[in-house]
Amino acid sequence: PISKRGIYQIPREPEHLAKLLEALKPSFPFSNTMMSTIQNVLKKVVKAELFSDSWPQFTSIVCRISQPNIVDVVLFTTCNENLMRVICESQVLSHPHCHPACNHTVTIHVEGSVAQYLVDNITSRDGKKMLTSLYSGTLFYLPKPVTTTPLESTCPPGYFLGSLASQHTQFVISHWEYSQGIKNVYSNMEIALNSLPSSAAFSISNPANPVAWVLCYPYGHFCHWYTVEEHRRKGLGTAIVKDLALKLSREGYTPECGSANEDAIKVLKAVGFVEFLQPVQWLLYQHAEWMNCK
């Protein structure tokens, strides 16, 4: 790893990423999101930069996943102060395209105990807070891999399971409440549908578009979980969650999902997900000319 400004940039060569995965395993499930991200980097599903406070022993890892006009930042830490140092020195929030005049979104996935610390300490030079909570919910993960569940048995009569594809891009976007105002939302969603695992339920009588679907973020977290209203209360939510959990488990991931929706939480528990010790938050980075690291 390359030492720069007192932190380390971890090369993306397989041997370094494999060592990082092994080092993170004892911290599971706290490290699960970061481990899923690294697995996707290893498989070249996503492009990312990785930074740590030290090497080979570390307390904090920061990963920046870059897509056109969207940056996802995934964090792992056992020391908030060291995490702040890595964020500041790596300049992960200062993406080359992140300029106040452009429409560039930076979202940060972090457990709740760390979120408030970051909100309080990442400010502009004039003291303005630069992080706001975009969404928060309870985090669940599947402790035992689902590797043998027959897919056919999970789908109710009149429907069949499949995956999302590029031709479903606009349909999925039209049902996403946060899609407004995001630049290049179509191209980013199309990339996700083509490169990341998903599950969808289709009506046998009208299979052109899905009636229920769930995707996963580049860091392995379930997202865009939705069932068209007239098809709800039929077991489709359970079917697609089981299906995506199966796909991820077979690829060596530990499925996880954050939700504040009571019905969704009931489904997750019924499938076998267990509640994580801390909530999960997505923080939105507010552009400012200078970032002050306390």
C-alpha atoms as a PDB file:
ATOM      1  CA  PRO A   1       0.000   0.000   0.000  1.00  0.00           C
ATOM      2  CA  ILE A   2       1.096   3.547  -0.786  1.00  0.00           C
ATOM      3  CA  SER A   3       1.556   5.825   2.222  1.00  0.00           C
ATOM      4  CA  LYS A   4       0.505   9.399   1.548  1.00  0.00           C
ATOM      5  CA  ARG A   5      -0.315  12.233   3.952  1.00  0.00           C
ATOM      6  CA  GLY A   6      -0.174   9.803   6.879  1.00  0.00           C
ATOM      7  CA  ILE A   7      -2.706   7.319   5.473  1.00  0.00           C
ATOM      8  CA  TYR A   8      -2.490   4.356   3.102  1.00  0.00           C
ATOM      9  CA  GLN A   9      -4.055   3.827  -0.298  1.00  0.00           C
ATOM     10  CA  ILE A  10      -4.623   0.112  -0.729  1.00  0.00           C
ATOM     11  CA  PRO A  11      -3.857  -1.253  -4.223  1.00  0.00           C
ATOM     12  CA  ARG A  12      -6.636  -3.120  -5.997  1.00  0.00           C
ATOM     13  CA  GLU A  13      -4.469  -6.128  -6.810  1.00  0.00           C
ATOM     14  CA  PRO A  14      -6.117  -9.416  -5.719  1.00  0.00           C
ATOM     15  CA  GLU A  15      -3.437 -10.271  -3.142  1.00  0.00           C
ATOM     16  CA  HIS A  16      -3.932  -6.993  -1.253  1.00  0.00           C
ATOM     17  CA  LEU A  17      -7.724  -7.192  -1.378  1.00  0.00           C
ATOM     18  CA  ALA A  18      -7.648 -10.816  -0.211  1.00  0.00           C
ATOM     19  CA  LYS A  19      -5.527  -9.814   2.809  1.00  0.00           C
ATOM     20  CA  LEU A  20      -7.959  -7.008   3.564  1.00  0.00           C
ATOM     21  CA  LEU A  21     -10.919  -9.407   3.462  1.00  0.00           C
ATOM     22  CA  GLU A  22      -9.195 -11.792   5.876  1.00  0.00           C
ATOM     23  CA  ALA A  23      -8.400  -8.926   8.241  1.00  0.00           C
ATOM     24  CA  LEU A  24     -12.050  -7.801   8.245  1.00  0.00           C
ATOM     25  CA  LYS A  25     -13.604 -11.227   8.903  1.00  0.00           C
ATOM     26  CA  PRO A  26     -13.153 -11.156  12.714  1.00  0.00           C
ATOM     27  CA  SER A  27     -15.200  -7.932  12.830  1.00  0.00           C
ATOM     28  CA  PHE A  28     -18.260  -9.476  11.138  1.00  0.00           C
ATOM     29  CA  PRO A  29     -21.102  -8.428  11.034  1.00  0.00           C
ATOM     30  CA  PHE A  30     -19.801  -4.869  11.570  1.00  0.00           C
ATOM     31  CA  SER A  31     -17.517  -5.317   8.570  1.00  0.00           C
ATOM     32  CA  ASN A  32     -20.027  -7.029   6.279  1.00  0.00           C
ATOM     33  CA  THR A  33     -20.797  -4.021   4.070  1.00  0.00           C
ATOM     34  CA  MET A  34     -17.116  -3.316   3.507  1.00  0.00           C
ATOM     35  CA  MET A  35     -16.405  -6.986   2.800  1.00  0.00           C
ATOM     36  CA  SER A  36     -19.182  -7.125   0.186  1.00  0.00           C
ATOM     37  CA  THR A  37     -17.757  -4.003  -1.451  1.00  0.00           C
ATOM     38  CA  ILE A  38     -14.267  -5.494  -1.626  1.00  0.00           C
ATOM     39  CA  GLN A  39     -15.666  -8.708  -3.116  1.00  0.00           C
ATOM     40  CA  ASN A  40     -17.287  -6.646  -5.879  1.00  0.00           C
ATOM     41  CA  VAL A  41     -13.984  -4.843  -6.502  1.00  0.00           C
ATOM     42  CA  LEU A  42     -12.224  -8.216  -6.718  1.00  0.00           C
ATOM     43  CA  LYS A  43     -14.797  -9.411  -9.247  1.00  0.00           C
ATOM     44  CA  LYS A  44     -14.426  -6.109 -11.143  1.00  0.00           C
ATOM     45  CA  VAL A  45     -18.128  -5.403 -10.759  1.00  0.00           C
ATOM     46  CA  VAL A  46     -17.326  -1.895  -9.510  1.00  0.00           C
ATOM     47  CA  LYS A  47     -14.382   0.482  -9.519  1.00  0.00           C
ATOM     48  CA  ALA A  48     -13.322   1.830  -6.169  1.00  0.00           C
ATOM     49  CA  GLU A  49     -10.531   3.448  -4.185  1.00  0.00           C
ATOM     50  CA  LEU A  50      -9.615   2.106  -0.750  1.00  0.00           C
ATOM     51  CA  PHE A  51      -7.850   3.963   2.062  1.00  0.00           C
ATOM     52  CA  SER A  52      -6.812   2.964   5.592  1.00  0.00           C
ATOM     53  CA  ASP A  53      -5.341   4.726   8.615  1.00  0.00           C
ATOM     54  CA  SER A  54      -2.455   2.205   8.820  1.00  0.00           C
ATOM     55  CA  TRP A  55      -1.299  -1.117   7.339  1.00  0.00           C
ATOM     56  CA  PRO A  56      -1.345  -4.074   7.810  1.00  0.00           C
ATOM     57  CA  GLN A  57      -3.053  -3.357  11.127  1.00  0.00           C
ATOM     58  CA  PHE A  58      -5.814  -0.767  10.829  1.00  0.00           C
ATOM     59  CA  THR A  59      -8.800   0.681  12.648  1.00  0.00           C
ATOM     60  CA  SER A  60     -10.498   2.442   9.724  1.00  0.00           C
ATOM     61  CA  ILE A  61     -11.151   1.697   6.066  1.00  0.00           C
ATOM     62  CA  VAL A  62     -12.777   4.141   3.656  1.00  0.00           C
ATOM     63  CA  CYS A  63     -13.942   3.016   0.224  1.00  0.00           C
ATOM     64  CA  ARG A  64     -15.134   5.347  -2.540  1.00  0.00           C
ATOM     65  CA  ILE A  65     -17.183   3.724  -5.320  1.00  0.00           C
ATOM     66  CA  SER A  66     -17.473   6.014  -8.326  1.00  0.00           C
ATOM     67  CA  GLN A  67     -20.141   6.021 -11.004  1.00  0.00           C
ATOM     68  CA  PRO A  68     -21.172   8.829 -13.382  1.00  0.00           C
ATOM     69  CA  ASN A  69     -22.376  11.674 -11.141  1.00  0.00           C
ATOM     70  CA  ILE A  70     -22.825   9.384  -8.134  1.00  0.00           C
ATOM     71  CA  VAL A  71     -20.264   8.510  -5.496  1.00  0.00           C
ATOM     72  CA  ASP A  72     -20.970   5.932  -2.795  1.00  0.00           C
ATOM     73  CA  VAL A  73     -18.700   6.002   0.244  1.00  0.00           C
ATOM     74  CA  VAL A  74     -18.579   2.907   2.475  1.00  0.00           C
ATOM     75  CA  LEU A  75     -16.953   3.071   5.904  1.00  0.00           C
ATOM     76  CA  PHE A  76     -15.602   0.652   8.485  1.00  0.00           C
ATOM     77  CA  THR A  77     -14.062   1.806  11.737  1.00  0.00           C
ATOM     78  CA  THR A  78     -13.321   0.941  15.333  1.00  0.00           C
ATOM     79  CA  CYS A  79     -12.024   4.453  16.035  1.00  0.00           C
ATOM     80  CA  ASN A  80     -13.991   7.531  14.979  1.00  0.00           C
ATOM     81  CA  GLU A  81     -11.000   9.864  15.244  1.00  0.00           C
ATOM     82  CA  ASN A  82      -8.919   7.742  12.890  1.00  0.00           C
ATOM     83  CA  LEU A  83     -11.855   7.472  10.504  1.00  0.00           C
ATOM     84  CA  MET A  84     -12.085  11.269  10.357  1.00  0.00           C
ATOM     85  CA  ARG A  85      -8.393  11.465   9.577  1.00  0.00           C
ATOM     86  CA  VAL A  86      -8.734   9.036   6.670  1.00  0.00           C
ATOM     87  CA  ILE A  87     -11.777  10.873   5.276  1.00  0.00           C
ATOM     88  CA  CYS A  88      -9.982  14.206   5.408  1.00  0.00           C
ATOM     89  CA  GLU A  89      -6.579  13.132   4.135  1.00  0.00           C
ATOM     90  CA  SER A  90      -7.923  10.889   1.358  1.00  0.00           C
ATOM     91  CA  GLN A  91     -10.308  13.638   0.219  1.00  0.00           C
ATOM     92  CA  VAL A  92     -12.927  11.002  -0.629  1.00  0.00           C
ATOM     93  CA  LEU A  93     -15.637  13.657  -0.554  1.00  0.00           C
ATOM     94  CA  SER A  94     -13.712  15.827  -2.995  1.00  0.00           C
ATOM     95  CA  HIS A  95     -14.338  13.789  -6.106  1.00  0.00           C
ATOM     96  CA  PRO A  96     -12.952  15.416  -9.281  1.00  0.00           C
ATOM     97  CA  HIS A  97     -16.498  16.133 -10.447  1.00  0.00           C
ATOM     98  CA  CYS A  98     -17.744  17.355  -7.062  1.00  0.00           C
ATOM     99  CA  HIS A  99     -18.124  21.070  -7.641  1.00  0.00           C
ATOM    100  CA  PRO A 100     -20.896  23.223  -6.147  1.00  0.00           C
ATOM    101  CA  ALA A 101     -22.017  24.172  -9.668  1.00  0.00           C
ATOM    102  CA  CYS A 102     -22.579  20.579 -10.783  1.00  0.00           C
ATOM    103  CA  ASN A 103     -25.270  18.107  -9.831  1.00  0.00           C
ATOM    104  CA  HIS A 104     -23.128  15.412  -8.232  1.00  0.00           C
ATOM    105  CA  THR A 105     -24.391  13.210  -5.443  1.00  0.00           C
ATOM    106  CA  VAL A 106     -22.218  11.718  -2.708  1.00  0.00           C
ATOM    107  CA  THR A 107     -23.929   9.276  -0.376  1.00  0.00           C
ATOM    108  CA  ILE A 108     -22.272   7.712   2.665  1.00  0.00           C
ATOM    109  CA  HIS A 109     -23.391   4.338   4.051  1.00  0.00           C
ATOM    110  CA  VAL A 110     -22.596   4.145   7.754  1.00  0.00           C
ATOM    111  CA  GLU A 111     -23.827   2.535  10.954  1.00  0.00           C
ATOM    112  CA  GLY A 112     -25.805   4.837  13.210  1.00  0.00           C
ATOM    113  CA  SER A 113     -23.241   5.143  15.995  1.00  0.00           C
ATOM    114  CA  VAL A 114     -20.734   6.689  13.609  1.00  0.00           C
ATOM    115  CA  ALA A 115     -23.197   8.795  11.614  1.00  0.00           C
ATOM    116  CA  GLN A 116     -23.790  11.498  14.226  1.00  0.00           C
ATOM    117  CA  TYR A 117     -20.057  11.835  14.852  1.00  0.00           C
ATOM    118  CA  LEU A 118     -19.480  12.533  11.158  1.00  0.00           C
ATOM    119  CA  VAL A 119     -22.401  14.958  10.938  1.00  0.00           C
ATOM    120  CA  ASP A 120     -20.998  16.945  13.883  1.00  0.00           C
ATOM    121  CA  ASN A 121     -17.393  16.983  12.694  1.00  0.00           C
ATOM    122  CA  ILE A 122     -17.490  17.391   8.918  1.00  0.00           C
ATOM    123  CA  THR A 123     -18.237  21.055   8.367  1.00  0.00           C
ATOM    124  CA  SER A 124     -17.430  23.835   5.941  1.00  0.00           C
ATOM    125  CA  ARG A 125     -14.832  26.399   6.921  1.00  0.00           C
ATOM    126  CA  ASP A 126     -17.561  28.767   8.062  1.00  0.00           C
ATOM    127  CA  GLY A 127     -18.994  26.088  10.382  1.00  0.00           C
ATOM    128  CA  LYS A 128     -21.852  24.864   8.171  1.00  0.00           C
ATOM    129  CA  LYS A 129     -22.610  21.164   8.491  1.00  0.00           C
ATOM    130  CA  MET A 130     -21.932  19.347   5.221  1.00  0.00           C
ATOM    131  CA  LEU A 131     -23.668  16.040   5.924  1.00  0.00           C
ATOM    132  CA  THR A 132     -27.390  15.488   6.311  1.00  0.00           C
ATOM    133  CA  SER A 133     -29.286  12.270   6.944  1.00  0.00           C
ATOM    134  CA  LEU A 134     -30.900  11.077   3.728  1.00  0.00           C
ATOM    135  CA  TYR A 135     -32.437   7.914   5.157  1.00  0.00           C
ATOM    136  CA  SER A 136     -32.163   5.800   8.274  1.00  0.00           C
ATOM    137  CA  GLY A 137     -33.513   2.410   9.206  1.00  0.00           C
ATOM    138  CA  THR A 138     -32.892  -0.831  11.049  1.00  0.00           C
ATOM    139  CA  LEU A 139     -30.136  -2.971   9.565  1.00  0.00           C
ATOM    140  CA  PHE A 140     -30.689  -6.705   9.088  1.00  0.00           C
ATOM    141  CA  TYR A 141     -28.372  -9.414   7.813  1.00  0.00           C
ATOM    142  CA  LEU A 142     -28.783 -13.097   6.990  1.00  0.00           C
ATOM    143  CA  PRO A 143     -26.512 -15.076   9.363  1.00  0.00           C
ATOM    144  CA  LYS A 144     -26.768 -18.395   7.520  1.00  0.00           C
ATOM    145  CA  PRO A 145     -26.323 -18.542   3.739  1.00  0.00           C
ATOM    146  CA  VAL A 146     -29.406 -19.567   1.800  1.00  0.00           C
ATOM    147  CA  THR A 147     -27.899 -21.963  -0.728  1.00  0.00           C
ATOM    148  CA  THR A 148     -30.441 -24.742  -1.212  1.00  0.00           C
ATOM    149  CA  THR A 149     -33.887 -23.085  -1.300  1.00  0.00           C
ATOM    150  CA  PRO A 150     -35.683 -24.140  -4.505  1.00  0.00           C
ATOM    151  CA  LEU A 151     -36.543 -20.955  -6.411  1.00  0.00           C
ATOM    152  CA  GLU A 152     -39.770 -22.431  -7.786  1.00  0.00           C
ATOM    153  CA  SER A 153     -41.241 -22.940  -4.317  1.00  0.00           C
ATOM    154  CA  THR A 154     -40.984 -19.261  -3.338  1.00  0.00           C
ATOM    155  CA  CYS A 155     -43.138 -17.731  -6.091  1.00  0.00           C
ATOM    156  CA  PRO A 156     -46.941 -17.664  -5.677  1.00  0.00           C
ATOM    157  CA  PRO A 157     -49.232 -19.024  -8.417  1.00  0.00           C
ATOM    158  CA  GLY A 158     -49.660 -16.760 -11.443  1.00  0.00           C
ATOM    159  CA  TYR A 159     -46.149 -15.339 -11.217  1.00  0.00           C
ATOM    160  CA  PHE A 160     -42.603 -16.326 -12.054  1.00  0.00           C
ATOM    161  CA  LEU A 161     -39.201 -15.115 -10.884  1.00  0.00           C
ATOM    162  CA  GLY A 162     -36.472 -13.574 -12.997  1.00  0.00           C
ATOM    163  CA  SER A 163     -33.983 -10.725 -13.006  1.00  0.00           C
ATOM    164  CA  LEU A 164     -34.209  -7.091 -14.053  1.00  0.00           C
ATOM    165  CA  ALA A 165     -32.666  -6.043 -17.365  1.00  0.00           C
ATOM    166  CA  SER A 166     -31.919  -2.776 -19.149  1.00  0.00           C
ATOM    167  CA  GLN A 167     -35.363  -2.667 -20.783  1.00  0.00           C
ATOM    168  CA  HIS A 168     -36.887  -2.269 -17.303  1.00  0.00           C
ATOM    169  CA  THR A 169     -34.804   0.810 -16.446  1.00  0.00           C
ATOM    170  CA  GLN A 170     -37.422   3.507 -16.969  1.00  0.00           C
ATOM    171  CA  PHE A 171     -40.158   1.441 -15.319  1.00  0.00           C
ATOM    172  CA  VAL A 172     -38.081   0.980 -12.156  1.00  0.00           C
ATOM    173  CA  ILE A 173     -37.116   4.671 -12.078  1.00  0.00           C
ATOM    174  CA  SER A 174     -40.759   5.709 -12.394  1.00  0.00           C
ATOM    175  CA  HIS A 175     -41.488   3.935  -9.086  1.00  0.00           C
ATOM    176  CA  TRP A 176     -38.471   5.358  -7.197  1.00  0.00           C
ATOM    177  CA  GLU A 177     -39.413   8.310  -4.996  1.00  0.00           C
ATOM    178  CA  TYR A 178     -35.838   9.655  -4.788  1.00  0.00           C
ATOM    179  CA  SER A 179     -35.195   9.708  -8.553  1.00  0.00           C
ATOM    180  CA  GLN A 180     -36.126  13.340  -9.112  1.00  0.00           C
ATOM    181  CA  GLY A 181     -33.203  15.728  -9.489  1.00  0.00           C
ATOM    182  CA  ILE A 182     -30.494  13.083  -9.845  1.00  0.00           C
ATOM    183  CA  LYS A 183     -28.419  13.746 -12.917  1.00  0.00           C
ATOM    184  CA  ASN A 184     -27.906  10.770 -15.261  1.00  0.00           C
ATOM    185  CA  VAL A 185     -30.340   8.723 -13.201  1.00  0.00           C
ATOM    186  CA  TYR A 186     -31.274   6.632 -16.256  1.00  0.00           C
ATOM    187  CA  SER A 187     -27.716   5.670 -17.196  1.00  0.00           C
ATOM    188  CA  ASN A 188     -26.774   4.919 -13.584  1.00  0.00           C
ATOM    189  CA  MET A 189     -29.822   2.699 -13.095  1.00  0.00           C
ATOM    190  CA  GLU A 190     -29.175   0.924 -16.382  1.00  0.00           C
ATOM    191  CA  ILE A 191     -25.600   0.187 -15.301  1.00  0.00           C
ATOM    192  CA  ALA A 192     -26.904  -1.235 -12.002  1.00  0.00           C
ATOM    193  CA  LEU A 193     -29.432  -3.471 -13.735  1.00  0.00           C
ATOM    194  CA  ASN A 194     -26.804  -4.816 -16.111  1.00  0.00           C
ATOM    195  CA  SER A 195     -23.972  -5.365 -13.610  1.00  0.00           C
ATOM    196  CA  LEU A 196     -25.456  -6.115 -10.159  1.00  0.00           C
ATOM    197  CA  PRO A 197     -27.664  -8.983  -8.925  1.00  0.00           C
ATOM    198  CA  SER A 198     -31.411  -8.391  -8.792  1.00  0.00           C
ATOM    199  CA  SER A 199     -34.634 -10.308  -8.422  1.00  0.00           C
ATOM    200  CA  ALA A 200     -38.010  -9.590  -9.965  1.00  0.00           C
ATOM    201  CA  ALA A 201     -41.446 -11.170 -10.083  1.00  0.00           C
ATOM    202  CA  PHE A 202     -43.438 -11.096 -13.306  1.00  0.00           C
ATOM    203  CA  SER A 203     -47.094 -11.783 -13.959  1.00  0.00           C
ATOM    204  CA  ILE A 204     -47.593 -14.771 -16.263  1.00  0.00           C
ATOM    205  CA  SER A 205     -50.504 -12.976 -17.953  1.00  0.00           C
ATOM    206  CA  ASN A 206     -48.526  -9.768 -18.636  1.00  0.00           C
ATOM    207  CA  PRO A 207     -44.757 -10.322 -18.332  1.00  0.00           C
ATOM    208  CA  ALA A 208     -43.516  -7.175 -20.117  1.00  0.00           C
ATOM    209  CA  ASN A 209     -42.663  -5.339 -16.878  1.00  0.00           C
ATOM    210  CA  PRO A 210     -42.032  -6.678 -13.367  1.00  0.00           C
ATOM    211  CA  VAL A 211     -44.649  -6.346 -10.662  1.00  0.00           C
ATOM    212  CA  ALA A 212     -42.138  -6.615  -7.796  1.00  0.00           C
ATOM    213  CA  TRP A 213     -38.376  -6.203  -7.658  1.00  0.00           C
ATOM    214  CA  VAL A 214     -35.334  -5.714  -5.471  1.00  0.00           C
ATOM    215  CA  LEU A 215     -31.780  -4.704  -6.420  1.00  0.00           C
ATOM    216  CA  CYS A 216     -28.547  -4.420  -4.501  1.00  0.00           C
ATOM    217  CA  TYR A 217     -26.075  -1.577  -4.170  1.00  0.00           C
ATOM    218  CA  PRO A 218     -22.427  -1.991  -5.248  1.00  0.00           C
ATOM    219  CA  TYR A 219     -21.705  -2.778  -1.594  1.00  0.00           C
ATOM    220  CA  GLY A 220     -24.141  -5.723  -1.478  1.00  0.00           C
ATOM    221  CA  HIS A 221     -26.986  -4.009   0.369  1.00  0.00           C
ATOM    222  CA  PHE A 222     -30.586  -4.608  -0.790  1.00  0.00           C
ATOM    223  CA  CYS A 223     -32.192  -1.538  -2.382  1.00  0.00           C
ATOM    224  CA  HIS A 224     -35.093  -0.413  -4.595  1.00  0.00           C
ATOM    225  CA  TRP A 225     -37.367  -3.017  -2.998  1.00  0.00           C
ATOM    226  CA  TYR A 226     -40.825  -2.391  -4.415  1.00  0.00           C
ATOM    227  CA  THR A 227     -44.100  -4.152  -5.219  1.00  0.00           C
ATOM    228  CA  VAL A 228     -46.703  -2.562  -7.503  1.00  0.00           C
ATOM    229  CA  GLU A 229     -49.729  -1.780  -5.348  1.00  0.00           C
ATOM    230  CA  GLU A 230     -52.280  -4.095  -6.971  1.00  0.00           C
ATOM    231  CA  HIS A 231     -49.903  -7.042  -6.533  1.00  0.00           C
ATOM    232  CA  ARG A 232     -49.202  -6.555  -2.836  1.00  0.00           C
ATOM    233  CA  ARG A 233     -50.181  -8.966  -0.020  1.00  0.00           C
ATOM    234  CA  LYS A 234     -49.559 -11.975  -2.243  1.00  0.00           C
ATOM    235  CA  GLY A 235     -46.147 -13.075  -1.005  1.00  0.00           C
ATOM    236  CA  LEU A 236     -44.136 -11.486  -3.809  1.00  0.00           C
ATOM    237  CA  GLY A 237     -41.980  -9.446  -1.432  1.00  0.00           C
ATOM    238  CA  THR A 238     -40.932 -12.605   0.373  1.00  0.00           C
ATOM    239  CA  ALA A 239     -40.296 -14.381  -2.931  1.00  0.00           C
ATOM    240  CA  ILE A 240     -37.933 -11.775  -4.372  1.00  0.00           C
ATOM    241  CA  VAL A 241     -36.058 -11.279  -1.089  1.00  0.00           C
ATOM    242  CA  LYS A 242     -35.452 -15.042  -0.834  1.00  0.00           C
ATOM    243  CA  ASP A 243     -34.403 -15.146  -4.467  1.00  0.00           C
ATOM    244  CA  LEU A 244     -31.877 -12.311  -4.195  1.00  0.00           C
ATOM    245  CA  ALA A 245     -30.575 -13.685  -0.889  1.00  0.00           C
ATOM    246  CA  LEU A 246     -30.026 -17.012  -2.641  1.00  0.00           C
ATOM    247  CA  LYS A 247     -28.156 -15.399  -5.533  1.00  0.00           C
ATOM    248  CA  LEU A 248     -25.884 -13.388  -3.217  1.00  0.00           C
ATOM    249  CA  SER A 249     -25.248 -16.338  -0.879  1.00  0.00           C
ATOM    250  CA  ARG A 250     -24.173 -18.534  -3.769  1.00  0.00           C
ATOM    251  CA  GLU A 251     -21.630 -15.868  -4.736  1.00  0.00           C
ATOM    252  CA  GLY A 252     -20.204 -15.752  -1.215  1.00  0.00           C
ATOM    253  CA  TYR A 253     -21.894 -12.609   0.098  1.00  0.00           C
ATOM    254  CA  THR A 254     -23.816 -12.176   3.349  1.00  0.00           C
ATOM    255  CA  PRO A 255     -27.115 -10.495   2.346  1.00  0.00           C
ATOM    256  CA  GLU A 256     -28.103  -7.398   4.308  1.00  0.00           C
ATOM    257  CA  CYS A 257     -30.913  -4.883   4.149  1.00  0.00           C
ATOM    258  CA  GLY A 258     -31.839  -1.705   6.009  1.00  0.00           C
ATOM    259  CA  SER A 259     -35.479  -0.707   6.400  1.00  0.00           C
ATOM    260  CA  ALA A 260     -37.807   1.418   8.503  1.00  0.00           C
ATOM    261  CA  ASN A 261     -40.946  -0.084   6.942  1.00  0.00           C
ATOM    262  CA  GLU A 262     -42.817  -2.393   9.320  1.00  0.00           C
ATOM    263  CA  ASP A 263     -44.135  -4.669   6.562  1.00  0.00           C
ATOM    264  CA  ALA A 264     -40.659  -5.006   5.035  1.00  0.00           C
ATOM    265  CA  ILE A 265     -39.174  -5.807   8.431  1.00  0.00           C
ATOM    266  CA  LYS A 266     -41.748  -8.582   8.924  1.00  0.00           C
ATOM    267  CA  VAL A 267     -40.714 -10.093   5.581  1.00  0.00           C
ATOM    268  CA  LEU A 268     -37.013  -9.906   6.427  1.00  0.00           C
ATOM    269  CA  LYS A 269     -37.553 -11.635   9.778  1.00  0.00           C
ATOM    270  CA  ALA A 270     -39.729 -14.309   8.155  1.00  0.00           C
ATOM    271  CA  VAL A 271     -36.974 -15.076   5.638  1.00  0.00           C
ATOM    272  CA  GLY A 272     -34.424 -15.441   8.455  1.00  0.00           C
ATOM    273  CA  PHE A 273     -32.727 -12.047   8.621  1.00  0.00           C
ATOM    274  CA  VAL A 274     -31.691 -10.915  12.097  1.00  0.00           C
ATOM    275  CA  GLU A 275     -31.454  -7.394  13.424  1.00  0.00           C
ATOM    276  CA  PHE A 276     -28.054  -5.773  13.587  1.00  0.00           C
ATOM    277  CA  LEU A 277     -27.012  -4.085  16.844  1.00  0.00           C
ATOM    278  CA  GLN A 278     -27.059  -0.613  15.300  1.00  0.00           C
ATOM    279  CA  PRO A 279     -29.248   1.295  12.851  1.00  0.00           C
ATOM    280  CA  VAL A 280     -27.936   2.188   9.416  1.00  0.00           C
ATOM    281  CA  GLN A 281     -27.911   5.633   7.843  1.00  0.00           C
ATOM    282  CA  TRP A 282     -27.262   7.088   4.429  1.00  0.00           C
ATOM    283  CA  LEU A 283     -25.708  10.535   4.693  1.00  0.00           C
ATOM    284  CA  LEU A 284     -25.850  13.044   1.856  1.00  0.00           C
ATOM    285  CA  TYR A 285     -22.799  15.224   1.300  1.00  0.00           C
ATOM    286  CA  GLN A 286     -23.600  18.908   0.886  1.00  0.00           C
ATOM    287  CA  HIS A 287     -21.106  20.641  -1.395  1.00  0.00           C
ATOM    288  CA  ALA A 288     -19.126  23.507   0.057  1.00  0.00           C
ATOM    289  CA  GLU A 289     -16.015  25.340  -1.078  1.00  0.00           C
ATOM    290  CA  TRP A 290     -13.887  24.095   1.808  1.00  0.00           C
ATOM    291  CA  MET A 291     -14.122  21.164   4.144  1.00  0.00           C
ATOM    292  CA  ASN A 292     -12.939  21.685   7.682  1.00  0.00           C
ATOM    293  CA  CYS A 293     -11.796  18.571   9.561  1.00  0.00           C
ATOM    294  CA  LYS A 294     -11.955  19.101  13.298  1.00  0.00           C
END
